[in-house]
Structures are given as C-alpha cells and as structure tokens.
C-alpha cells in the first residue's frame, strides 16, 4: 500500500511538472511572436521617420535593431525548446509508469510541427523545410534583410554626404555578423540542447527505455 501511495504521489508530481512545462511552452511561444511583431513595428516606424526627415538618419538604427530583434527572438525560442523537450520526457515517463501510451502530445507535435531531433535554425527545421514554421521563418528573415538593407542604404548615403562617420556603418556590420554567426553556431551545434538531453536522460530514465523512447538527436 505504501509503495502504491508513493507511486501515485510521484505521478502527481510528474503531472504537475508537465502542466508547468506546457504552460511555459505556451507562454514563450506567444512571447516569441509578440516580440517579432513589436520589433517589426519599431523597424517600420524608424524607416518612416527617416523618410520624413532627411537630416536625421534614423533608419541607420536598423543596422543594430534588426540583429537585436533576431537575438532576442532566438533567446525566447531557446526557452520553448527547453519546455518542449522537458515535456516530452515527462510524458514518456508517465506513459512508462502507466504501462501504456496515454499522453501523446509530444508525438503529435513532432508530426505537426517538426521533429525535435532534426537540425533547426529557430523555427526553421531542415527536416521539414516546407512546414509552416519554416516558411514563416524564411519570410521573417527576408523582411529583416530588406529592413537591414534600407538601413545600410541610408547609412551609405549619409557617409557619402559627410553627415555620418563610416565607423557607425562598420559597427553595424560587425554587430550584425556577430549576431548572425552566434545564432548559426548556437542552433546548428545544439550544444545547449544536447546538455539538456543528457540531463533529462539521467533525471527520467524511464523515458529512455519507454516505447518510442527519447533519442539523442545525433
């Protein structure tokens, strides 16, 4: 009886953790798209202000704003990956304890969105390039390149007219390259995600041995 009560208590704890991770996933997913929308509006306002006043090179700020928007969005997506992988292991563990696949959200997400083990750049999954998330990420990236290009064009015009030091452009380009290279390295190397998976395998051994158990991704 004590063992049965202990098992039921463990299940309740796992279910509470799962509720927390699902809530975290929903919250950060919503924040991810809100951030993109907010930074998109800010960028358009800067572009509009620059068009209204040729003496104030406001659009040059896009060289710094656009990369920062991607950096912040990547950080938010970073938390959605944590929540989704943690929820996956919790569901697999609960299924293993129950002896049957009662919880299927992690499998449904893999089928509908993208396989979590596939290489990805934020929401762009190389395992499903035609997926909605991948197409949206490509679309956002094209829009960002156009906005960044408008900022660079404004900067070149200002430098040619003697109204701005070329160092501002150099700083903007270096900042952009730094952010881009970091995001590519972070998402393609998957070092943080692999460390998370290793810790999850230790924390939830039942999930590894369950039917359709969690894989390494390597």
Protein backbone atom coordinates (compact mmCIF):
# COMPACT_ATOMS: atom_id res chain seq x y z
CA UNK A 1 0.00 0.00 0.00
CA UNK A 2 2.81 2.41 0.87
CA UNK A 3 4.51 1.68 -2.45
CA UNK A 4 1.24 2.27 -4.29
CA UNK A 5 0.69 5.57 -2.50
CA UNK A 6 4.29 6.57 -3.24
CA UNK A 7 3.80 5.74 -6.93
CA UNK A 8 0.60 7.76 -7.08
CA UNK A 9 2.33 10.71 -5.40
CA UNK A 10 5.19 10.52 -7.91
CA UNK A 11 2.69 10.55 -10.75
CA UNK A 12 1.02 13.65 -9.32
CA UNK A 13 4.40 15.39 -9.11
CA UNK A 14 5.23 14.43 -12.69
CA UNK A 15 1.82 15.68 -13.86
CA UNK A 16 2.36 19.00 -12.05
CA UNK A 17 5.75 19.36 -13.72
CA UNK A 18 4.16 18.56 -17.07
CA UNK A 19 1.49 21.23 -16.55
CA UNK A 20 4.25 23.72 -15.72
CA UNK A 21 6.24 22.87 -18.84
CA UNK A 22 3.17 23.05 -21.08
CA UNK A 23 2.33 26.44 -19.59
CA UNK A 24 5.91 27.59 -20.12
CA UNK A 25 5.85 26.39 -23.73
CA UNK A 26 2.64 28.27 -24.45
CA UNK A 27 3.83 31.44 -22.73
CA UNK A 28 7.17 31.62 -24.51
CA UNK A 29 5.67 30.68 -27.88
CA UNK A 30 3.27 33.62 -27.55
CA UNK A 31 6.09 35.91 -26.42
CA UNK A 32 8.21 34.83 -29.39
CA UNK A 33 5.65 36.07 -31.91
CA UNK A 34 4.83 39.20 -29.91
CA UNK A 35 8.49 40.16 -29.89
CA UNK A 36 8.76 39.71 -33.65
CA UNK A 37 5.64 41.84 -34.18
CA UNK A 38 6.85 44.60 -31.83
CA UNK A 39 10.31 44.81 -33.40
CA UNK A 40 8.75 44.76 -36.87
CA UNK A 41 6.58 47.75 -35.97
CA UNK A 42 9.56 49.57 -34.41
CA UNK A 43 11.60 48.98 -37.57
CA UNK A 44 8.84 50.33 -39.82
CA UNK A 45 8.47 53.40 -37.60
CA UNK A 46 12.22 54.07 -37.85
CA UNK A 47 12.02 53.71 -41.61
CA UNK A 48 9.04 56.08 -41.80
CA UNK A 49 10.70 58.68 -39.57
CA UNK A 50 13.82 58.54 -41.70
CA UNK A 51 11.76 59.20 -44.81
CA UNK A 52 10.12 62.22 -43.20
CA UNK A 53 13.42 63.82 -42.16
CA UNK A 54 16.42 63.54 -44.47
CA UNK A 55 18.57 65.37 -41.92
CA UNK A 56 18.11 62.69 -39.23
CA UNK A 57 19.50 59.30 -40.35
CA UNK A 58 17.10 57.35 -38.15
CA UNK A 59 17.00 54.33 -40.46
CA UNK A 60 20.67 53.63 -39.73
CA UNK A 61 19.48 52.32 -36.36
CA UNK A 62 18.06 49.36 -38.28
CA UNK A 63 21.60 48.02 -38.60
CA UNK A 64 21.52 47.50 -34.83
CA UNK A 65 17.80 46.95 -34.18
CA UNK A 66 17.20 44.14 -36.69
CA UNK A 67 20.02 41.88 -35.42
CA UNK A 68 19.00 42.53 -31.81
CA UNK A 69 15.42 41.54 -32.66
CA UNK A 70 16.69 38.22 -34.01
CA UNK A 71 18.92 37.73 -30.97
CA UNK A 72 16.03 38.34 -28.57
CA UNK A 73 13.65 36.13 -30.56
CA UNK A 74 16.29 33.39 -30.58
CA UNK A 75 16.58 33.67 -26.80
CA UNK A 76 12.82 33.29 -26.41
CA UNK A 77 12.78 30.29 -28.76
CA UNK A 78 15.61 28.87 -26.63
CA UNK A 79 13.10 28.52 -23.78
CA UNK A 80 10.46 26.88 -25.97
CA UNK A 81 12.98 24.17 -26.87
CA UNK A 82 13.67 23.59 -23.16
CA UNK A 83 9.97 23.38 -22.32
CA UNK A 84 9.12 21.09 -25.24
CA UNK A 85 11.97 18.64 -24.61
CA UNK A 86 11.25 18.57 -20.86
CA UNK A 87 7.55 17.98 -21.52
CA UNK A 88 8.47 15.16 -23.94
CA UNK A 89 10.48 13.32 -21.29
CA UNK A 90 7.77 13.85 -18.68
CA UNK A 91 5.12 12.42 -20.98
CA UNK A 92 7.28 9.42 -21.85
CA UNK A 93 7.97 8.83 -18.16
CA UNK A 94 4.29 9.00 -17.21
CA UNK A 95 3.44 6.64 -20.09
CA UNK A 96 6.10 4.22 -18.87
CA UNK A 97 4.72 4.34 -15.30
CA UNK A 98 1.19 3.71 -16.57
CA UNK A 99 2.34 0.95 -18.91
CA UNK A 100 0.66 2.44 -22.00
CA UNK A 101 0.92 5.50 -24.25
CA UNK A 102 -1.76 7.68 -22.67
CA UNK A 103 -0.02 11.01 -23.32
CA UNK A 104 0.63 11.68 -26.99
CA UNK A 105 1.24 15.44 -27.25
CA UNK A 106 4.99 15.06 -27.87
CA UNK A 107 4.34 12.68 -30.78
CA UNK A 108 1.63 14.94 -32.20
CA UNK A 109 3.97 17.96 -32.02
CA UNK A 110 6.66 16.04 -33.86
CA UNK A 111 4.17 15.08 -36.57
CA UNK A 112 2.53 18.50 -36.90
CA UNK A 113 5.36 20.98 -36.30
CA UNK A 114 8.81 19.43 -36.67
CA UNK A 115 10.87 16.54 -35.35
CA UNK A 116 12.73 17.90 -32.33
CA UNK A 117 15.89 15.99 -33.23
CA UNK A 118 16.11 17.47 -36.74
CA UNK A 119 18.65 20.31 -37.26
CA UNK A 120 16.98 23.70 -36.99
CA UNK A 121 17.53 27.44 -37.03
CA UNK A 122 14.98 28.74 -34.58
CA UNK A 123 11.61 27.64 -36.08
CA UNK A 124 13.18 26.71 -39.43
CA UNK A 125 13.51 22.93 -39.43
CA UNK A 126 15.86 21.40 -42.01
CA UNK A 127 13.88 18.21 -41.63
CA UNK A 128 10.70 19.97 -42.78
CA UNK A 129 11.57 22.99 -44.91
CA UNK A 130 8.07 23.13 -46.39
CA UNK A 131 6.48 23.25 -42.93
CA UNK A 132 4.59 26.35 -41.87
CA UNK A 133 7.13 27.25 -39.20
CA UNK A 134 9.99 27.03 -41.69
CA UNK A 135 8.16 29.12 -44.30
CA UNK A 136 7.28 31.77 -41.70
CA UNK A 137 10.89 31.91 -40.53
CA UNK A 138 12.12 32.34 -44.10
CA UNK A 139 9.53 35.08 -44.64
CA UNK A 140 10.55 36.93 -41.47
CA UNK A 141 14.21 36.63 -42.50
CA UNK A 142 13.58 38.11 -45.95
CA UNK A 143 11.69 41.02 -44.40
CA UNK A 144 14.53 41.55 -41.92
CA UNK A 145 17.13 41.58 -44.71
CA UNK A 146 15.11 44.21 -46.60
CA UNK A 147 14.82 46.39 -43.49
CA UNK A 148 18.51 45.99 -42.70
CA UNK A 149 19.36 46.81 -46.32
CA UNK A 150 17.31 50.01 -46.07
CA UNK A 151 19.32 51.00 -43.00
CA UNK A 152 22.59 50.29 -44.80
CA UNK A 153 21.49 52.30 -47.84
CA UNK A 154 20.65 55.26 -45.61
CA UNK A 155 24.00 54.95 -43.87
CA UNK A 156 25.95 54.87 -47.13
CA UNK A 157 24.08 57.97 -48.30
CA UNK A 158 24.88 59.80 -45.06
CA UNK A 159 28.55 58.82 -45.18
CA UNK A 160 28.83 59.98 -48.79
CA UNK A 161 27.25 63.32 -47.82
CA UNK A 162 29.62 63.73 -44.87
CA UNK A 163 26.83 63.55 -42.31
CA UNK A 164 27.98 60.36 -40.63
CA UNK A 165 31.26 58.72 -39.75
CA UNK A 166 31.94 55.46 -41.59
CA UNK A 167 32.69 53.86 -38.21
CA UNK A 168 28.95 53.74 -37.49
CA UNK A 169 28.42 51.55 -40.56
CA UNK A 170 31.38 49.37 -39.66
CA UNK A 171 29.99 48.91 -36.15
CA UNK A 172 26.57 47.99 -37.55
CA UNK A 173 28.03 45.43 -39.95
CA UNK A 174 30.28 43.88 -37.27
CA UNK A 175 27.34 43.68 -34.84
CA UNK A 176 25.19 42.02 -37.49
CA UNK A 177 27.87 39.48 -38.43
CA UNK A 178 28.50 38.69 -34.77
CA UNK A 179 24.82 38.05 -34.02
CA UNK A 180 24.36 36.02 -37.22
CA UNK A 181 27.39 33.81 -36.59
CA UNK A 182 26.39 33.25 -32.97
CA UNK A 183 22.83 32.23 -33.88
CA UNK A 184 24.09 29.86 -36.58
CA UNK A 185 26.59 28.32 -34.17
CA UNK A 186 24.09 28.03 -31.33
CA UNK A 187 21.27 26.37 -33.25
CA UNK A 188 23.36 24.17 -35.54
CA UNK A 189 25.81 22.94 -32.89
CA UNK A 190 22.96 22.25 -30.44
CA UNK A 191 25.42 22.19 -27.55
CA UNK A 192 22.91 23.50 -25.00
CA UNK A 193 20.17 21.17 -26.22
CA UNK A 194 22.48 18.16 -26.09
CA UNK A 195 23.46 19.03 -22.50
CA UNK A 196 19.76 19.32 -21.66
CA UNK A 197 19.02 15.93 -23.24
CA UNK A 198 21.85 14.32 -21.30
CA UNK A 199 20.48 15.74 -18.04
CA UNK A 200 16.92 14.66 -18.93
CA UNK A 201 18.06 11.09 -19.56
CA UNK A 202 19.56 10.99 -16.09
CA UNK A 203 16.54 12.63 -14.46
CA UNK A 204 13.95 10.48 -16.30
CA UNK A 205 15.49 7.05 -17.03
CA UNK A 206 12.04 5.54 -17.60
CA UNK A 207 11.58 7.81 -20.62
CA UNK A 208 14.69 6.45 -22.34
CA UNK A 209 13.56 2.86 -22.10
CA UNK A 210 9.92 3.52 -22.95
CA UNK A 211 8.35 2.59 -26.26
CA UNK A 212 9.47 5.08 -28.89
CA UNK A 213 11.90 6.41 -26.26
CA UNK A 214 13.61 9.77 -26.49
CA UNK A 215 16.58 9.76 -28.84
CA UNK A 216 19.82 11.64 -28.72
CA UNK A 217 19.43 13.53 -31.96
CA UNK A 218 22.97 12.65 -33.00
